[in-house]
Protein backbone atom coordinates (compact mmCIF):
# COMPACT_ATOMS: atom_id res chain seq x y z
CA MET A 1 -1.81 11.49 45.03
CA TYR A 2 -3.11 14.78 46.62
CA LYS A 3 -0.16 16.72 45.29
CA LEU A 4 -0.47 15.44 41.70
CA ALA A 5 -4.25 16.28 41.77
CA LEU A 6 -3.40 19.77 43.13
CA TYR A 7 -0.69 20.13 40.48
CA VAL A 8 -3.08 19.21 37.70
CA VAL A 9 -5.77 21.66 38.88
CA LEU A 10 -3.44 24.51 39.38
CA CYS A 11 -1.77 24.11 36.03
CA GLY A 12 -5.22 23.83 34.25
CA SER A 13 -6.90 26.54 36.18
CA LEU A 14 -4.07 28.98 36.16
CA GLY A 15 -3.45 28.70 32.46
CA LEU A 16 0.20 27.75 32.85
CA THR A 17 1.22 26.57 29.46
CA ALA A 18 4.75 25.77 30.67
CA CYS A 19 3.72 23.55 33.58
CA GLY A 20 5.81 20.35 33.79
CA ASN A 21 9.36 19.44 34.72
CA SER A 22 10.90 21.44 31.75
CA GLY A 23 8.85 24.67 32.40
CA PRO A 24 9.09 27.34 35.01
CA VAL A 25 6.72 25.68 37.39
CA THR A 26 7.21 22.04 38.50
CA GLU A 27 5.30 19.81 40.84
CA GLN A 28 8.07 20.59 43.49
CA HIS A 29 7.41 24.33 43.16
CA ILE A 30 3.64 23.92 43.52
CA ALA A 31 4.19 21.85 46.63
CA MET A 32 6.62 24.44 48.10
CA ALA A 33 4.11 27.26 47.28
CA THR A 34 1.30 25.27 48.94
CA GLN A 35 3.35 24.72 52.04
CA LYS A 36 4.25 28.44 52.35
CA CYS A 37 0.53 29.38 51.88
CA ASP A 38 -0.96 26.96 54.38
CA VAL A 39 -0.95 29.53 57.13
CA ASN A 40 -2.53 32.07 54.79
CA GLY A 41 -5.64 30.28 53.58
CA GLY A 42 -3.99 28.19 50.92
CA LEU A 43 -2.45 28.81 47.54
CA ARG A 44 -4.55 31.12 45.25
CA GLN A 45 -2.41 31.43 42.04
CA VAL A 46 1.00 31.80 40.47
CA GLU A 47 1.38 35.46 39.66
CA LEU A 48 4.66 35.17 37.69
CA ALA A 49 7.07 32.37 36.87
CA ASP A 50 10.32 32.55 35.13
CA ARG A 51 13.22 29.99 34.38
CA THR A 52 16.53 31.33 33.03
CA ARG A 53 19.75 29.43 32.26
CA GLU A 54 22.64 30.19 34.66
CA ILE A 55 25.57 31.66 32.88
CA GLU A 56 29.02 32.02 34.33
CA SER A 57 32.04 34.06 33.14
CA CYS A 58 35.09 32.10 31.86
CA GLY A 59 37.35 35.00 31.12
CA TYR A 60 37.52 38.01 28.96
CA ARG A 61 34.60 37.98 26.52
CA CYS A 62 33.77 34.56 27.43
CA SER A 63 30.75 33.03 29.10
CA ARG A 64 29.20 29.59 29.21
CA ALA A 65 26.10 27.83 30.49
CA THR A 66 26.49 25.92 33.75
CA GLY A 67 23.76 23.41 33.15
CA LYS A 68 21.70 24.84 36.03
CA TYR A 69 18.61 27.00 35.85
CA GLU A 70 17.59 29.92 38.05
CA TYR A 71 13.91 29.95 38.98
CA SER A 72 11.93 32.90 40.12
CA GLU A 73 8.27 32.76 40.96
CA THR A 74 5.68 34.93 42.69
CA PHE A 75 2.68 33.24 44.32
CA SER A 76 -0.30 34.68 45.99
CA CYS A 77 -2.27 33.14 48.85
CA GLN A 78 -6.05 33.15 49.55
CA ASN A 79 -5.78 35.89 52.18
CA GLY A 80 -3.92 38.23 49.64
CA ALA A 81 -0.40 37.56 50.86
CA LYS A 82 2.23 37.32 48.16
CA PHE A 83 5.75 36.01 48.28
CA ASN A 84 8.66 35.50 45.88
CA LEU A 85 10.88 32.33 45.56
CA THR A 86 14.12 32.47 43.78
CA TRP A 87 16.50 29.48 43.74
CA THR A 88 19.02 27.64 41.47
CA GLU A 89 18.72 23.88 40.49
């Protein structure tokens, strides 16, 4: 329940129009950033969030989507520390 409340507050206060499971910032991402910022005074804001489709090469002049997405996010903590998270799901 706490994570959901935090998610709603962060999505609303940060102005993230793409919050949700189909956007660049999901509940799991907020939870991960919150965990990383715990020792730095807590999560302050999401600086940048991006989600791109993973594309693979399938030969000469051929590429196709893999069905996975690459996420890249920059978070800042209350004490000013910033960190980047990049992963594929």
